């Protein structure tokens, strides 16, 4: 899985000739930066995910940009970056109106279970306290 991004590319680093690219991966952004200059690729925004393997993406980039450039940047068998964070894209190159979504891990659902003492017997609830001692959260 790769981040599917859109961006604008200043051809040869010239801001007078800017081309929009609608379907690029973080690896392709790194290739475009190596070809046109580090600050030539701007307004980067993640639009979704691309379901492709490393080999499929490497072949696609090799057919479009040439295998020598892909091997020169990522080595023959190295992994390609699949997220903007893995590609270390600076925040100033992102689209100013774009705020990346923080991927938070799913919260583990807690369950209530009857509380037991050291001998394994159930613990009763004490009605004089506000919390229920008969159950514990797992």
Protein backbone atom coordinates (compact mmCIF):
# COMPACT_ATOMS: atom_id res chain seq x y z
CA UNK A 1 0.00 0.00 0.00
CA UNK A 2 1.29 3.40 -0.99
CA UNK A 3 -0.05 6.87 -0.24
CA UNK A 4 -1.66 8.21 -3.41
CA UNK A 5 -0.81 11.91 -3.66
CA UNK A 6 -1.30 14.90 -5.91
CA UNK A 7 1.24 17.69 -6.31
CA UNK A 8 2.59 20.38 -8.59
CA UNK A 9 6.01 20.10 -10.23
CA UNK A 10 8.09 23.07 -11.37
CA UNK A 11 9.84 21.65 -14.45
CA UNK A 12 13.58 22.05 -13.99
CA UNK A 13 12.88 24.09 -10.85
CA UNK A 14 11.39 26.93 -12.95
CA UNK A 15 8.27 28.29 -11.23
CA UNK A 16 7.03 29.69 -14.56
CA UNK A 17 6.41 26.16 -15.90
CA UNK A 18 4.42 24.28 -13.28
CA UNK A 19 2.65 21.01 -14.06
CA UNK A 20 0.03 19.36 -11.83
CA UNK A 21 0.44 15.63 -11.16
CA UNK A 22 -2.65 13.86 -9.86
CA UNK A 23 -1.49 10.31 -9.09
CA UNK A 24 1.98 10.11 -7.59
CA UNK A 25 3.43 7.99 -4.81
CA UNK A 26 5.97 9.14 -2.20
CA UNK A 27 8.67 7.25 -4.12
CA UNK A 28 7.74 9.14 -7.28
CA UNK A 29 7.87 12.42 -5.36
CA UNK A 30 11.45 11.59 -4.35
CA UNK A 31 12.30 10.80 -7.99
CA UNK A 32 10.76 14.10 -9.16
CA UNK A 33 12.76 15.96 -6.51
CA UNK A 34 15.98 14.31 -7.67
CA UNK A 35 15.23 15.23 -11.30
CA UNK A 36 13.82 18.77 -10.92
CA UNK A 37 15.26 19.91 -7.58
CA UNK A 38 14.39 19.46 -3.93
CA UNK A 39 11.90 22.33 -3.79
CA UNK A 40 10.38 21.82 -7.26
CA UNK A 41 7.63 19.49 -6.00
CA UNK A 42 5.11 21.44 -3.91
CA UNK A 43 1.45 21.48 -2.86
CA UNK A 44 1.64 17.80 -1.94
CA UNK A 45 -1.60 16.31 -0.68
CA UNK A 46 -2.54 12.70 0.14
CA UNK A 47 -5.73 11.69 -1.68
CA UNK A 48 -5.98 8.01 -0.79
CA UNK A 49 -4.11 4.74 -1.00
CA UNK A 50 -2.73 2.82 -3.97
CA UNK A 51 -2.91 -0.95 -3.70
CA UNK A 52 0.38 -2.04 -5.28
CA UNK A 53 3.38 -4.10 -4.24
CA UNK A 54 6.94 -2.76 -4.05
CA UNK A 55 7.84 -4.62 -7.25
CA UNK A 56 4.83 -3.26 -9.15
CA UNK A 57 5.64 0.31 -8.12
CA UNK A 58 9.34 -0.15 -8.91
CA UNK A 59 8.43 -1.46 -12.39
CA UNK A 60 5.99 1.42 -12.99
CA UNK A 61 8.59 4.01 -12.01
CA UNK A 62 11.29 2.22 -14.07
CA UNK A 63 9.10 2.24 -17.19
CA UNK A 64 8.21 5.92 -16.79
CA UNK A 65 11.49 7.45 -15.55
CA UNK A 66 14.04 4.79 -16.50
CA UNK A 67 15.46 1.95 -14.46
CA UNK A 68 18.82 3.70 -14.03
CA UNK A 69 17.22 6.62 -12.13
CA UNK A 70 15.16 4.29 -9.92
CA UNK A 71 18.18 2.11 -9.10
CA UNK A 72 20.34 5.19 -8.58
CA UNK A 73 17.96 6.62 -5.99
CA UNK A 74 16.59 3.49 -4.27
CA UNK A 75 19.30 0.90 -5.05
CA UNK A 76 18.56 -2.36 -6.83
CA UNK A 77 16.58 -4.12 -4.09
CA UNK A 78 15.84 -1.46 -1.47
CA UNK A 79 12.32 -0.82 -0.22
CA UNK A 80 10.47 2.17 -1.61
CA UNK A 81 8.93 4.69 0.81
CA UNK A 82 5.18 4.13 0.97
CA UNK A 83 4.18 7.15 3.07
CA UNK A 84 5.17 10.82 3.07
CA UNK A 85 6.68 10.30 6.52
CA UNK A 86 8.85 7.45 5.22
CA UNK A 87 9.94 9.67 2.31
CA UNK A 88 10.76 12.47 4.80
CA UNK A 89 8.87 15.09 2.83
CA UNK A 90 9.21 18.43 4.64
CA UNK A 91 5.98 20.04 5.88
CA UNK A 92 6.64 23.23 3.90
CA UNK A 93 6.21 21.29 0.64
CA UNK A 94 2.71 20.14 1.62
CA UNK A 95 -0.39 21.93 0.35
CA UNK A 96 -1.01 24.81 2.79
CA UNK A 97 -4.71 23.95 2.99
CA UNK A 98 -4.02 20.26 3.64
CA UNK A 99 -3.80 18.88 7.15
CA UNK A 100 -2.67 15.26 7.21
CA UNK A 101 -4.87 12.89 9.16
CA UNK A 102 -3.12 11.37 12.14
CA UNK A 103 -3.39 7.62 11.95
CA UNK A 104 -4.25 6.56 15.45
CA UNK A 105 -4.29 2.93 16.45
CA UNK A 106 -7.72 1.51 17.13
CA UNK A 107 -8.60 1.54 20.80
CA UNK A 108 -8.80 -1.81 22.41
CA UNK A 109 -12.32 -2.46 23.59
CA UNK A 110 -12.45 -2.89 27.35
CA UNK A 111 -14.62 -5.55 28.89
CA UNK A 112 -15.98 -5.90 32.38
CA UNK A 113 -15.20 -9.06 34.28
CA UNK A 114 -16.24 -10.25 37.71
CA UNK A 115 -13.61 -9.46 40.34
CA UNK A 116 -12.11 -12.34 42.31
CA UNK A 117 -10.06 -12.55 45.46
CA UNK A 118 -6.80 -14.50 45.93
CA UNK A 119 -8.71 -17.77 46.43
CA UNK A 120 -10.75 -17.26 43.26
CA UNK A 121 -14.02 -16.37 44.98
CA UNK A 122 -16.21 -13.56 43.69
CA UNK A 123 -15.87 -10.20 45.42
CA UNK A 124 -19.15 -8.57 46.42
CA UNK A 125 -19.98 -4.93 45.80
CA UNK A 126 -19.76 -2.63 48.81
CA UNK A 127 -22.93 -0.46 48.70
CA UNK A 128 -21.24 2.24 50.84
CA UNK A 129 -18.77 3.18 48.03
CA UNK A 130 -19.62 4.88 44.71
CA UNK A 131 -17.60 2.44 42.54
CA UNK A 132 -18.62 -1.13 41.88
CA UNK A 133 -15.99 -3.46 43.34
CA UNK A 134 -17.74 -6.58 41.99
CA UNK A 135 -16.43 -5.90 38.46
CA UNK A 136 -13.02 -4.97 37.02
CA UNK A 137 -12.13 -3.56 33.60
CA UNK A 138 -9.89 -5.61 31.30
